[in-house]
Amino acid sequence: MSAIENSKLTVVGAGAVGSSVAYASLIRKSARHVALYDIAAARVEAEVLDLAHGSQFTGSSDIIGGDDLDVTAGSHVIVITAGAAQKPGQTRTDLAGVNANILRSLVPNLLERSPDAVFVVVTNPADVMAVVAQEVSGLPRERVFSSGTVLDTSRLRWKIAQRAGVSISSVHAYIVGEHGDTEFPLWSHATIGTVPILEWVPQDGQPKFTVDELDQIAVDVRDAAYKVIQGKGATNYAIGLSGARIVEAILQDEHTVMPVSTVLEDFHGVSGVALSVPAVVSAAGAQPIRETTFSASELALFRRSADALREVAAGLS
């Protein structure tokens, strides 16, 4: 496949996250046309108007929207952010039941209007919601996936880059597993440039990384969303940017490696749950890289993540 001409992105949900995805997609020119849909008519119309007022500065991209599902028709990518918001002190898994019901009613109507779309689920708990969306849509696994740990990986690389004294683009490391409390870094593959992370010598005289320090970085990354939510009520800018970046990889048929969350089939023995692993993202969707290796301890953590998500999924009505 090749880059999609005259591309259309729909963002479902005009809350803090959805509006940020739409905004980031406009200023990054992720898609030629952006549509924003929400059942709250006054809110979505206000957001669209606010974004449209900046059209002079966004190049050729344009924005439409409203509370009629027909505004979503003909989309190439649909990013779903609709759902109950995560509150201070609330885990992502607490949201599962209500948000699953929202997706079950939304996805068939969206698919009817955009039968060729790739669906990217951002609604939390994103991994569980990806399974719900894939099942209710009946689409191939590669065409329905969640944003997974793309944002978590960005947080990880930012912290490592700050400590190592290098640009973020020079850090090669991934968060994998659940987008949530059981996520973990794939330290066995983490490098700065070509140097394994524990062997890196900072240029500013700082000491090398230690295992204990890496463990603390992993905790800080895992808990980053809770800290932001406690301070401002929501995370929105970074997830908006990461969502736009995923959209670009699809619409430009980039075949970019990203840790998105697809419903797995015998991936290191794990099936039937959506977990983030490095995957090739293109116009066809997301294909997990099955050759990804894990250390023995990482594989145990990966399976613990799978078990945690199965427990949440089992509780859905």
Protein backbone atom coordinates (compact mmCIF):
# COMPACT_ATOMS: atom_id res chain seq x y z
CA MET A 1 0.00 0.00 0.00
CA SER A 2 1.03 3.65 -0.26
CA ALA A 3 0.25 6.95 1.42
CA ILE A 4 -3.46 7.71 1.43
CA GLU A 5 -4.41 10.72 -0.68
CA ASN A 6 -7.04 13.18 0.53
CA SER A 7 -6.99 11.37 3.86
CA LYS A 8 -9.65 11.71 6.53
CA LEU A 9 -9.22 11.25 10.26
CA THR A 10 -12.14 11.10 12.66
CA VAL A 11 -11.64 11.65 16.37
CA VAL A 12 -14.51 10.33 18.47
CA GLY A 13 -14.87 12.26 21.71
CA ALA A 14 -14.38 16.02 22.14
CA GLY A 15 -13.07 15.95 25.68
CA ALA A 16 -9.56 16.91 26.72
CA VAL A 17 -7.93 13.95 24.97
CA GLY A 18 -10.00 13.94 21.80
CA SER A 19 -9.64 17.68 21.28
CA SER A 20 -5.89 17.38 21.83
CA VAL A 21 -5.64 14.59 19.23
CA ALA A 22 -7.55 16.76 16.76
CA TYR A 23 -5.41 19.81 17.54
CA ALA A 24 -2.13 17.89 17.26
CA SER A 25 -3.26 16.29 14.01
CA LEU A 26 -4.09 19.68 12.51
CA ILE A 27 -0.85 21.40 13.43
CA ARG A 28 1.24 18.36 12.42
CA LYS A 29 -0.79 17.99 9.20
CA SER A 30 -1.38 14.34 10.05
CA ALA A 31 -4.45 14.16 7.79
CA ARG A 32 -5.96 16.30 5.02
CA HIS A 33 -9.38 16.33 6.70
CA VAL A 34 -10.11 16.03 10.43
CA ALA A 35 -13.58 15.36 11.83
CA LEU A 36 -14.49 15.61 15.52
CA TYR A 37 -17.57 13.79 16.80
CA ASP A 38 -19.25 13.87 20.21
CA ILE A 39 -22.78 13.40 21.52
CA ALA A 40 -22.41 16.70 23.43
CA ALA A 41 -23.45 19.08 20.65
CA ALA A 42 -22.50 22.37 22.28
CA ARG A 43 -19.07 21.08 23.35
CA VAL A 44 -18.08 19.59 20.00
CA GLU A 45 -19.35 22.60 18.04
CA ALA A 46 -17.33 24.92 20.28
CA GLU A 47 -14.18 22.82 19.91
CA VAL A 48 -14.55 22.66 16.11
CA LEU A 49 -15.13 26.40 15.92
CA ASP A 50 -12.08 27.10 18.09
CA LEU A 51 -9.91 24.84 15.92
CA ALA A 52 -11.35 26.22 12.67
CA HIS A 53 -10.45 29.76 13.75
CA GLY A 54 -6.81 28.73 13.48
CA SER A 55 -7.12 27.36 9.94
CA GLN A 56 -4.91 30.09 8.54
CA PHE A 57 -2.02 28.56 10.47
CA THR A 58 -2.59 24.86 9.79
CA GLY A 59 -1.90 24.72 6.07
CA SER A 60 -4.15 22.56 3.94
CA SER A 61 -5.77 20.58 6.78
CA ASP A 62 -9.38 21.38 7.64
CA ILE A 63 -11.73 20.56 10.51
CA ILE A 64 -15.43 19.67 10.65
CA GLY A 65 -17.52 18.11 13.37
CA GLY A 66 -20.75 17.76 15.26
CA ASP A 67 -23.06 15.38 17.11
CA ASP A 68 -24.27 13.57 13.98
CA LEU A 69 -22.37 10.35 13.25
CA ASP A 70 -22.54 11.13 9.55
CA VAL A 71 -19.63 13.58 10.01
CA THR A 72 -17.45 10.48 10.46
CA ALA A 73 -18.32 8.94 7.08
CA GLY A 74 -15.51 7.99 4.73
CA SER A 75 -12.77 8.04 7.35
CA HIS A 76 -9.47 6.26 6.77
CA VAL A 77 -8.54 6.31 10.45
CA ILE A 78 -10.86 6.57 13.45
CA VAL A 79 -9.35 7.43 16.82
CA ILE A 80 -11.74 6.62 19.68
CA THR A 81 -11.28 8.66 22.84
CA ALA A 82 -14.91 8.68 24.02
CA GLY A 83 -15.60 7.35 27.48
CA ALA A 84 -15.69 8.21 31.13
CA ALA A 85 -12.66 10.21 32.24
CA GLN A 86 -10.08 8.81 34.63
CA LYS A 87 -10.40 10.60 37.96
CA PRO A 88 -7.66 11.33 40.51
CA GLY A 89 -6.84 8.13 42.38
CA GLN A 90 -8.81 5.97 39.95
CA THR A 91 -7.06 3.19 38.06
CA ARG A 92 -7.60 2.64 34.35
CA THR A 93 -9.19 -0.73 35.03
CA ASP A 94 -11.91 0.87 37.19
CA LEU A 95 -13.23 2.42 33.99
CA ALA A 96 -13.64 -0.83 32.11
CA GLY A 97 -17.36 -1.62 32.43
CA VAL A 98 -18.88 1.71 31.45
CA ASN A 99 -16.42 2.35 28.63
CA ALA A 100 -16.89 -1.14 27.17
CA ASN A 101 -20.61 -0.44 26.80
CA ILE A 102 -19.89 2.87 25.07
CA LEU A 103 -17.63 1.14 22.54
CA ARG A 104 -20.13 -1.65 21.90
CA SER A 105 -22.71 0.90 20.80
CA LEU A 106 -20.31 3.16 18.92
CA VAL A 107 -18.09 0.87 16.87
CA PRO A 108 -20.78 -0.78 14.67
CA ASN A 109 -22.18 2.64 13.73
CA LEU A 110 -18.73 3.99 12.94
CA LEU A 111 -17.83 0.93 10.87
CA GLU A 112 -21.07 1.22 8.89
CA ARG A 113 -20.04 4.73 7.81
CA SER A 114 -16.33 3.97 7.29
CA PRO A 115 -16.02 0.28 6.33
CA ASP A 116 -12.35 0.58 5.32
CA ALA A 117 -11.10 2.48 8.37
CA VAL A 118 -8.33 1.50 10.75
CA PHE A 119 -9.49 1.94 14.34
CA VAL A 120 -7.16 3.25 17.06
CA VAL A 121 -8.57 2.99 20.58
CA VAL A 122 -7.38 5.49 23.18
CA THR A 123 -10.29 5.09 25.61
CA ASN A 124 -9.05 3.56 28.87
CA PRO A 125 -8.37 0.88 29.87
CA ALA A 126 -7.06 0.92 26.31
CA ASP A 127 -5.91 -2.71 26.09
CA VAL A 128 -9.22 -4.13 27.27
CA MET A 129 -11.13 -1.68 25.06
CA ALA A 130 -9.10 -2.79 22.03
CA VAL A 131 -10.33 -6.36 22.57
CA VAL A 132 -13.93 -5.14 22.91
CA ALA A 133 -13.68 -3.00 19.76
CA GLN A 134 -12.06 -5.77 17.73
CA GLU A 135 -14.66 -8.32 18.79
CA VAL A 136 -17.68 -6.10 18.15
CA SER A 137 -16.32 -4.91 14.80
CA GLY A 138 -15.39 -8.34 13.50
CA LEU A 139 -12.43 -6.73 11.73
CA PRO A 140 -9.01 -8.36 11.37
CA ARG A 141 -6.81 -7.85 14.45
CA GLU A 142 -4.39 -5.58 12.65
CA ARG A 143 -7.15 -3.03 11.87
CA VAL A 144 -8.30 -2.49 15.47
CA PHE A 145 -5.67 -1.71 18.08
CA SER A 146 -5.01 0.67 20.91
CA SER A 147 -2.44 3.43 21.26
CA GLY A 148 -0.87 1.10 23.80
CA THR A 149 2.42 2.20 25.31
CA VAL A 150 3.45 4.67 22.61
CA LEU A 151 3.05 7.51 25.12
CA ASP A 152 4.64 5.50 27.95
CA THR A 153 7.61 4.79 25.69
CA SER A 154 7.93 8.51 24.96
CA ARG A 155 7.95 9.20 28.69
CA LEU A 156 10.64 6.56 29.18
CA ARG A 157 12.87 7.88 26.40
CA TRP A 158 12.49 11.46 27.68
CA LYS A 159 13.66 10.49 31.17
CA ILE A 160 16.59 8.44 29.88
CA ALA A 161 17.63 11.20 27.48
CA GLN A 162 17.59 13.78 30.26
CA ARG A 163 19.80 11.62 32.47
CA ALA A 164 22.14 10.47 29.69
CA GLY A 165 22.61 13.91 28.18
CA VAL A 166 21.51 12.95 24.65
CA SER A 167 18.61 13.75 22.35
CA ILE A 168 15.45 11.70 22.75
CA SER A 169 15.87 10.38 19.19
CA SER A 170 19.11 8.70 20.26
CA VAL A 171 17.38 6.60 22.93
CA HIS A 172 16.10 3.22 21.77
CA ALA A 173 13.90 1.69 24.46
CA TYR A 174 10.33 0.45 24.78
CA ILE A 175 7.65 0.10 27.42
CA VAL A 176 5.66 -3.07 26.72
CA GLY A 177 2.76 -5.00 28.21
CA GLU A 178 -0.30 -3.31 29.65
CA HIS A 179 -0.83 0.42 29.25
CA GLY A 180 -1.16 0.65 32.99
CA ASP A 181 0.08 -0.67 36.29
CA THR A 182 1.79 -3.85 35.02
CA GLU A 183 3.68 -2.23 32.15
CA PHE A 184 7.46 -2.57 32.12
CA PRO A 185 10.52 -1.51 30.10
CA LEU A 186 12.16 -3.97 27.74
CA TRP A 187 15.57 -3.25 29.27
CA SER A 188 17.21 -6.19 27.50
CA HIS A 189 16.95 -4.22 24.23
CA ALA A 190 17.47 -0.68 25.56
CA THR A 191 20.36 1.23 24.02
CA ILE A 192 21.61 4.79 23.68
CA GLY A 193 22.83 4.93 20.13
CA THR A 194 24.37 1.47 19.82
CA VAL A 195 25.49 1.25 23.46
CA PRO A 196 23.54 -0.93 25.93
CA ILE A 197 22.03 1.37 28.53
CA LEU A 198 24.03 0.04 31.51
CA GLU A 199 27.26 0.62 29.58
CA TRP A 200 26.56 4.22 28.60
CA VAL A 201 29.01 6.80 30.01
CA PRO A 202 27.41 10.28 30.23
CA GLN A 203 29.53 13.06 28.74
CA ASP A 204 28.89 15.46 31.64
CA GLY A 205 30.73 13.42 34.25
CA GLN A 206 27.61 11.79 35.67
CA PRO A 207 27.94 8.14 36.74
CA LYS A 208 26.65 5.25 34.67
CA PHE A 209 23.09 4.05 35.07
CA THR A 210 22.53 1.44 37.77
CA VAL A 211 19.93 -1.31 37.92
CA ASP A 212 18.29 0.39 40.89
CA GLU A 213 18.11 3.67 39.00
CA LEU A 214 16.50 1.98 36.00
CA ASP A 215 13.98 0.34 38.33
CA GLN A 216 13.05 3.78 39.69
CA ILE A 217 12.75 5.22 36.18
CA ALA A 218 10.33 2.41 35.34
CA VAL A 219 8.20 3.28 38.38
CA ASP A 220 8.24 6.99 37.52
CA VAL A 221 7.09 6.24 33.96
CA ARG A 222 4.38 3.88 35.17
CA ASP A 223 3.01 6.46 37.60
CA ALA A 224 3.47 9.52 35.39
CA ALA A 225 -0.19 9.72 34.36
CA TYR A 226 -1.37 9.66 37.96
CA LYS A 227 0.92 12.59 38.80
CA VAL A 228 -0.36 14.65 35.87
CA ILE A 229 -4.01 13.82 36.65
CA GLN A 230 -3.54 14.78 40.28
CA GLY A 231 -2.14 18.16 39.29
CA LYS A 232 -4.38 19.18 36.35
CA GLY A 233 -7.22 16.66 36.19
CA ALA A 234 -6.30 14.93 32.91
CA THR A 235 -3.47 13.96 30.61
CA ASN A 236 -4.07 15.38 27.16
CA TYR A 237 -1.19 17.10 25.33
CA ALA A 238 1.23 14.17 25.15
CA ILE A 239 -1.46 11.61 24.30
CA GLY A 240 -2.72 14.04 21.64
CA LEU A 241 0.73 14.16 20.08
CA SER A 242 1.28 10.41 20.29
CA GLY A 243 -2.16 9.77 18.80
CA ALA A 244 -1.37 12.08 15.90
CA ARG A 245 1.92 10.29 15.35
CA ILE A 246 0.17 6.91 15.11
CA VAL A 247 -2.30 8.39 12.61
CA GLU A 248 0.59 9.59 10.45
CA ALA A 249 2.20 6.16 10.43
CA ILE A 250 -1.06 4.71 9.11
CA LEU A 251 -1.99 7.39 6.58
CA GLN A 252 1.55 7.68 5.22
CA ASP A 253 1.97 3.88 5.12
CA GLU A 254 5.25 4.33 6.99
CA HIS A 255 5.84 0.80 8.27
CA THR A 256 7.11 2.43 11.47
CA VAL A 257 7.85 0.31 14.54
CA MET A 258 5.67 1.41 17.48
CA PRO A 259 4.59 -0.31 20.70
CA VAL A 260 0.86 -0.33 19.99
CA SER A 261 -1.53 -2.85 21.52
CA THR A 262 -3.13 -5.44 19.25
CA VAL A 263 -5.12 -8.54 20.15
CA LEU A 264 -2.38 -11.16 20.29
CA GLU A 265 -2.40 -14.65 18.84
CA ASP A 266 0.21 -17.03 20.32
CA PHE A 267 2.73 -14.27 20.93
CA HIS A 268 5.23 -15.98 23.23
CA GLY A 269 2.32 -18.16 24.30
CA VAL A 270 -0.10 -15.28 24.93
CA SER A 271 -3.42 -15.16 23.07
CA GLY A 272 -6.76 -13.39 23.29
CA VAL A 273 -5.61 -10.25 25.09
CA ALA A 274 -4.28 -6.96 23.71
CA LEU A 275 -0.82 -6.04 24.94
CA SER A 276 1.76 -3.59 23.63
CA VAL A 277 4.73 -5.05 21.81
CA PRO A 278 6.83 -3.53 19.04
CA ALA A 279 4.65 -3.64 15.91
CA VAL A 280 4.93 -2.43 12.32
CA VAL A 281 2.32 0.30 11.78
CA SER A 282 1.24 1.01 8.21
CA ALA A 283 -1.85 1.62 6.08
CA ALA A 284 -2.80 -2.02 6.71
CA GLY A 285 -2.84 -1.45 10.47
CA ALA A 286 -0.49 -2.91 13.06
CA GLN A 287 1.43 -6.18 12.85
CA PRO A 288 3.26 -7.34 16.01
CA ILE A 289 6.91 -8.22 15.43
CA ARG A 290 6.88 -11.86 16.44
CA GLU A 291 10.68 -12.07 16.52
CA THR A 292 10.82 -9.73 19.53
CA THR A 293 12.75 -11.50 22.27
CA PHE A 294 12.36 -11.26 26.04
CA SER A 295 14.66 -12.17 28.89
CA ALA A 296 13.28 -14.76 31.30
CA SER A 297 12.28 -12.08 33.82
CA GLU A 298 10.69 -9.92 31.11
CA LEU A 299 8.66 -12.85 29.82
CA ALA A 300 7.35 -13.44 33.34
CA LEU A 301 6.33 -9.77 33.57
CA PHE A 302 4.70 -9.97 30.15
CA ARG A 303 2.59 -12.94 31.20
CA ARG A 304 1.70 -11.18 34.46
CA SER A 305 0.41 -8.27 32.35
CA ALA A 306 -1.68 -10.68 30.29
CA ASP A 307 -3.14 -12.26 33.43
CA ALA A 308 -4.05 -8.84 34.86
CA LEU A 309 -5.93 -7.89 31.70
CA ARG A 310 -7.72 -11.22 31.52
CA GLU A 311 -8.98 -10.58 35.04
CA VAL A 312 -10.38 -7.19 34.03
CA ALA A 313 -11.94 -8.60 30.86
CA ALA A 314 -13.56 -11.41 32.82
CA GLY A 315 -15.37 -8.83 34.93
CA LEU A 316 -17.04 -7.14 31.96
CA SER A 317 -20.76 -7.80 31.58
